[in-house]
Amino acid sequence: MTHENAHNGLHEQPMGELFKQLSEDLSVLVRQELKLAQAEMTEKGKKAGVGVGMFAGAGIVGLLALSALTACLIAALATGMEVWVAALIVTVLYAAVAGVLALNGKNRVAEATPPVPAQTIETVKEDAQWAKTQLPSEKR
């Protein structure tokens, strides 16, 4: 059936039948849009989770800069310099690692925002525009 024949067929159907068909089409469309939104939000949630995990890693590495485990590095460096200089070097090293992890985590979280299903919103707008063109008009 060509587009013109399908269009003419719509004019021959009773108004109640057209509204029933439109209602069924909209119901299917809404279910499909909800599935799309769910898939899109799941993907964004995964990206945000990875970013949050990287922030946690940055926090752990930052704590290592202040922990007693660094004492052995400080002691090794202190054999050739003042203890406070050795402690400062180890602290700067751990802080640099924490900074890199924090920046990577921030970028991953930014990829997942805004937490709205943008693609679904766009297709819903397109669907609404399509539905407007399908309603019978007295001007036609």
Protein backbone atom coordinates (compact mmCIF):
# COMPACT_ATOMS: atom_id res chain seq x y z
CA MET A 1 0.00 0.00 0.00
CA THR A 2 1.48 3.35 -0.99
CA HIS A 3 1.63 6.34 1.32
CA GLU A 4 -1.17 8.02 -0.67
CA ASN A 5 -3.40 4.93 -0.48
CA ALA A 6 -2.74 4.61 3.27
CA HIS A 7 -3.57 8.29 3.71
CA ASN A 8 -6.82 7.89 1.75
CA GLY A 9 -7.64 4.78 3.80
CA LEU A 10 -7.45 6.85 6.99
CA HIS A 11 -10.08 9.27 5.63
CA GLU A 12 -12.45 6.36 5.01
CA GLN A 13 -12.24 4.96 8.56
CA PRO A 14 -14.70 6.02 11.25
CA MET A 15 -13.40 8.54 13.80
CA GLY A 16 -13.76 6.04 16.66
CA GLU A 17 -11.60 3.52 14.83
CA LEU A 18 -8.95 6.16 14.15
CA PHE A 19 -8.82 7.12 17.83
CA LYS A 20 -8.63 3.45 18.84
CA GLN A 21 -5.72 2.90 16.44
CA LEU A 22 -4.00 6.09 17.64
CA SER A 23 -4.44 5.01 21.25
CA GLU A 24 -2.91 1.60 20.54
CA ASP A 25 -0.01 3.17 18.63
CA LEU A 26 0.64 5.64 21.43
CA SER A 27 0.55 2.83 24.00
CA VAL A 28 3.19 0.86 22.09
CA LEU A 29 5.22 4.03 21.59
CA VAL A 30 5.16 4.90 25.30
CA ARG A 31 6.32 1.39 26.24
CA GLN A 32 9.18 1.62 23.74
CA GLU A 33 10.22 5.04 25.03
CA LEU A 34 10.22 3.73 28.62
CA LYS A 35 12.47 0.84 27.59
CA LEU A 36 14.82 3.29 25.86
CA ALA A 37 14.91 5.54 28.93
CA GLN A 38 15.67 2.57 31.18
CA ALA A 39 18.56 1.44 28.96
CA GLU A 40 19.95 4.97 28.76
CA MET A 41 19.77 5.51 32.53
CA THR A 42 21.44 2.14 33.19
CA GLU A 43 24.37 3.15 30.98
CA LYS A 44 24.71 6.53 32.71
CA GLY A 45 24.55 4.83 36.12
CA LYS A 46 27.40 2.51 35.18
CA LYS A 47 29.58 5.45 34.10
CA ALA A 48 28.80 7.35 37.29
CA GLY A 49 29.66 4.25 39.36
CA VAL A 50 33.09 3.98 37.75
CA GLY A 51 33.74 7.67 38.40
CA VAL A 52 32.70 7.37 42.04
CA GLY A 53 34.98 4.36 42.38
CA MET A 54 37.87 6.42 41.06
CA PHE A 55 37.11 9.14 43.61
CA ALA A 56 37.24 6.48 46.32
CA GLY A 57 40.59 5.29 44.98
CA ALA A 58 41.86 8.86 45.08
CA GLY A 59 40.79 9.13 48.71
CA ILE A 60 42.58 5.93 49.67
CA VAL A 61 45.79 6.98 47.94
CA GLY A 62 45.52 10.41 49.61
CA LEU A 63 45.28 8.73 53.00
CA LEU A 64 48.37 6.70 52.21
CA ALA A 65 50.27 9.99 51.93
CA LEU A 66 49.60 10.53 55.65
CA SER A 67 49.80 6.93 56.84
CA ALA A 68 52.47 5.16 58.79
CA LEU A 69 53.26 2.95 55.78
CA THR A 70 55.20 5.84 54.26
CA ALA A 71 57.60 5.79 57.15
CA CYS A 72 59.84 3.23 55.43
CA LEU A 73 60.22 5.45 52.32
CA ILE A 74 60.92 8.47 54.45
CA ALA A 75 63.52 6.55 56.41
CA ALA A 76 65.22 5.37 53.21
CA LEU A 77 65.38 8.90 51.81
CA ALA A 78 66.46 10.30 55.15
CA THR A 79 69.79 8.48 54.89
CA GLY A 80 70.88 11.05 52.30
CA MET A 81 68.96 14.16 53.42
CA GLU A 82 67.09 15.75 56.27
CA VAL A 83 64.10 13.70 57.52
CA TRP A 84 61.64 16.51 56.86
CA VAL A 85 62.76 16.80 53.20
CA ALA A 86 62.35 13.03 52.77
CA ALA A 87 58.85 13.21 54.29
CA LEU A 88 57.94 16.11 51.98
CA ILE A 89 59.07 14.20 48.86
CA VAL A 90 56.94 11.16 49.76
CA THR A 91 53.94 13.35 50.53
CA VAL A 92 54.20 15.17 47.17
CA LEU A 93 54.49 11.83 45.33
CA TYR A 94 51.31 10.44 46.91
CA ALA A 95 49.47 13.73 46.41
CA ALA A 96 50.33 13.64 42.68
CA VAL A 97 48.91 10.12 42.36
CA ALA A 98 45.76 11.17 44.22
CA GLY A 99 45.38 14.19 41.92
CA VAL A 100 45.57 12.05 38.78
CA LEU A 101 42.95 9.63 40.13
CA ALA A 102 40.67 12.49 41.17
CA LEU A 103 40.84 14.11 37.71
CA ASN A 104 40.07 10.79 36.00
CA GLY A 105 37.17 10.19 38.38
CA LYS A 106 35.79 13.68 37.75
CA ASN A 107 35.91 13.10 33.99
CA ARG A 108 34.06 9.80 34.29
CA VAL A 109 31.31 11.36 36.44
CA ALA A 110 31.03 14.28 33.98
CA GLU A 111 30.44 11.78 31.13
CA ALA A 112 27.40 10.44 32.98
CA THR A 113 25.78 13.81 33.58
CA PRO A 114 23.24 15.24 33.25
CA PRO A 115 21.42 12.20 34.61
CA VAL A 116 18.51 12.48 32.18
CA PRO A 117 17.76 10.26 29.21
CA ALA A 118 18.52 12.88 26.55
CA GLN A 119 18.00 10.54 23.61
CA THR A 120 14.60 9.45 24.95
CA ILE A 121 13.50 13.05 25.50
CA GLU A 122 14.41 13.87 21.90
CA THR A 123 12.51 10.89 20.47
CA VAL A 124 9.47 11.70 22.64
CA LYS A 125 9.45 15.20 21.14
CA GLU A 126 9.63 13.68 17.66
CA ASP A 127 6.83 11.25 18.54
CA ALA A 128 4.63 14.08 19.81
CA GLN A 129 5.20 15.98 16.57
CA TRP A 130 4.32 12.85 14.57
CA ALA A 131 1.15 12.30 16.63
CA LYS A 132 0.03 15.87 15.91
CA THR A 133 0.28 15.20 12.18
CA GLN A 134 -1.80 12.02 12.54
CA LEU A 135 -4.84 13.66 14.13
CA PRO A 136 -7.64 14.38 11.67
CA SER A 137 -7.98 18.06 10.84
CA GLU A 138 -11.03 19.93 9.54
CA LYS A 139 -8.70 21.91 7.24
CA ARG A 140 -7.75 18.77 5.25
